[in-house]
């Protein structure tokens, strides 16, 4: 008995493999696009009056809140669903400061789950990251 190879089956499986890989890569790219947001939500606590305020920042634009000028340059959500992490690059200026050497009170990345990694130090206000979308 002579054994014959089934060459048609190999051609069909290779023909199906490429579209499946293309679809998988396009879903992965769309998932990564959704990780970066255009808006950043932060909460500001006024330590003197004990009132907090939710502030919506559009990335790239300055917003004045009382004596602070706040700007969010970029925000990103994590890829993991079980322990979500939100990061944002934020710059904060104190408008009451007359010292021109101190440009920013805060200039760096904020992390929603660990605000103590890069703390925002101000005598009157406290800022923490809430969301990115």
Protein backbone atom coordinates (compact mmCIF):
# COMPACT_ATOMS: atom_id res chain seq x y z
CA UNK A 1 0.00 0.00 0.00
CA UNK A 2 1.39 3.34 -1.02
CA UNK A 3 0.97 6.27 1.41
CA UNK A 4 -0.09 9.57 -0.07
CA UNK A 5 0.41 12.98 1.52
CA UNK A 6 -2.56 15.26 1.73
CA UNK A 7 -1.13 18.48 0.32
CA UNK A 8 -4.50 20.20 -0.02
CA UNK A 9 -5.05 20.17 3.72
CA UNK A 10 -1.73 21.96 4.32
CA UNK A 11 -2.57 24.65 1.79
CA UNK A 12 -5.97 25.26 3.32
CA UNK A 13 -4.63 25.57 6.87
CA UNK A 14 -1.93 28.02 5.77
CA UNK A 15 -4.53 29.98 3.83
CA UNK A 16 -6.62 30.33 6.99
CA UNK A 17 -3.67 31.11 9.23
CA UNK A 18 -2.76 34.46 7.68
CA UNK A 19 -6.22 36.11 7.99
CA UNK A 20 -6.49 34.89 11.59
CA UNK A 21 -3.08 36.39 12.44
CA UNK A 22 -4.04 39.66 10.74
CA UNK A 23 -7.28 39.92 12.74
CA UNK A 24 -5.46 39.13 15.99
CA UNK A 25 -2.89 41.89 15.35
CA UNK A 26 -5.59 44.44 14.50
CA UNK A 27 -7.47 43.65 17.77
CA UNK A 28 -4.23 44.04 19.71
CA UNK A 29 -3.54 47.44 18.12
CA UNK A 30 -7.07 48.64 18.92
CA UNK A 31 -6.69 47.50 22.53
CA UNK A 32 -3.44 49.46 22.88
CA UNK A 33 -5.06 52.56 21.35
CA UNK A 34 -7.72 52.52 24.07
CA UNK A 35 -5.09 52.60 26.81
CA UNK A 36 -4.18 56.26 26.25
CA UNK A 37 -6.76 58.86 27.13
CA UNK A 38 -7.50 62.42 26.12
CA UNK A 39 -8.83 63.52 29.51
CA UNK A 40 -7.46 63.15 33.03
CA UNK A 41 -9.58 63.39 36.17
CA UNK A 42 -7.86 64.52 39.36
CA UNK A 43 -9.18 65.32 42.81
CA UNK A 44 -7.97 68.39 44.64
CA UNK A 45 -8.29 68.63 48.41
CA UNK A 46 -8.22 72.06 50.01
CA UNK A 47 -6.57 71.28 53.36
CA UNK A 48 -7.81 74.49 54.98
CA UNK A 49 -11.52 74.14 54.18
CA UNK A 50 -11.47 70.30 54.00
CA UNK A 51 -13.37 70.36 50.71
CA UNK A 52 -12.43 68.35 47.66
CA UNK A 53 -13.13 69.07 44.03
CA UNK A 54 -13.07 66.79 40.98
CA UNK A 55 -11.28 68.48 38.09
CA UNK A 56 -11.44 67.28 34.48
CA UNK A 57 -8.28 68.13 32.52
CA UNK A 58 -7.96 67.93 28.77
CA UNK A 59 -4.46 66.72 28.00
CA UNK A 60 -2.23 69.54 26.79
CA UNK A 61 -4.29 72.44 28.17
CA UNK A 62 -3.73 74.51 31.32
CA UNK A 63 -6.52 74.86 33.88
CA UNK A 64 -6.44 77.38 36.69
CA UNK A 65 -7.84 76.20 40.02
CA UNK A 66 -7.64 78.93 42.68
CA UNK A 67 -3.86 79.50 43.14
CA UNK A 68 -2.73 76.54 41.00
CA UNK A 69 -2.15 76.22 37.27
CA UNK A 70 -2.50 72.52 36.38
CA UNK A 71 -1.66 70.81 33.11
CA UNK A 72 -1.93 67.14 32.21
CA UNK A 73 0.32 66.21 29.29
CA UNK A 74 -0.45 62.51 28.98
CA UNK A 75 -2.45 59.80 30.72
CA UNK A 76 -2.57 56.06 30.28
CA UNK A 77 -4.54 53.10 31.64
CA UNK A 78 -2.86 49.80 32.38
CA UNK A 79 -3.28 46.69 30.28
CA UNK A 80 -4.23 44.55 33.27
CA UNK A 81 -7.85 44.30 34.38
CA UNK A 82 -7.29 42.58 37.72
CA UNK A 83 -5.22 45.42 39.21
CA UNK A 84 -5.83 48.56 37.14
CA UNK A 85 -3.16 51.25 37.19
CA UNK A 86 -3.65 54.77 35.90
CA UNK A 87 -0.64 56.98 35.20
CA UNK A 88 -0.53 60.61 34.13
CA UNK A 89 2.18 63.15 33.49
CA UNK A 90 1.11 66.30 35.33
CA UNK A 91 2.65 69.76 35.79
CA UNK A 92 1.49 72.08 38.58
CA UNK A 93 2.52 75.71 39.11
CA UNK A 94 1.82 77.75 42.23
CA UNK A 95 0.71 81.20 41.05
CA UNK A 96 1.33 82.81 44.44
CA UNK A 97 5.05 81.98 44.37
CA UNK A 98 7.17 84.96 43.34
CA UNK A 99 10.36 82.90 43.11
CA UNK A 100 11.13 82.52 39.40
CA UNK A 101 13.55 79.63 40.09
CA UNK A 102 10.68 77.39 41.23
CA UNK A 103 8.89 76.89 37.93
CA UNK A 104 6.78 73.90 38.97
CA UNK A 105 5.54 72.75 42.37
CA UNK A 106 5.07 69.33 40.75
CA UNK A 107 6.37 68.06 37.42
CA UNK A 108 6.22 64.32 36.88
CA UNK A 109 4.26 61.10 36.67
CA UNK A 110 1.41 60.42 39.09
CA UNK A 111 0.20 56.89 39.83
CA UNK A 112 -3.35 56.20 40.99
CA UNK A 113 -2.51 53.16 43.10
CA UNK A 114 0.63 54.60 44.72
CA UNK A 115 0.47 58.38 45.16
CA UNK A 116 3.43 58.27 47.54
CA UNK A 117 5.88 57.27 44.78
CA UNK A 118 5.94 60.84 43.47
CA UNK A 119 4.06 62.89 46.08
CA UNK A 120 2.57 66.30 45.47
CA UNK A 121 3.80 68.53 48.31
CA UNK A 122 1.90 71.76 48.87
CA UNK A 123 0.92 73.44 52.15
CA UNK A 124 -2.68 74.18 51.08
CA UNK A 125 -3.65 71.64 48.40
CA UNK A 126 -3.38 67.91 47.85
CA UNK A 127 -3.82 66.36 44.41
CA UNK A 128 -4.36 62.74 43.43
CA UNK A 129 -5.13 60.96 40.18
CA UNK A 130 -8.61 59.46 39.73
CA UNK A 131 -9.10 58.36 36.12
CA UNK A 132 -7.98 58.59 32.50
CA UNK A 133 -10.30 58.33 29.50
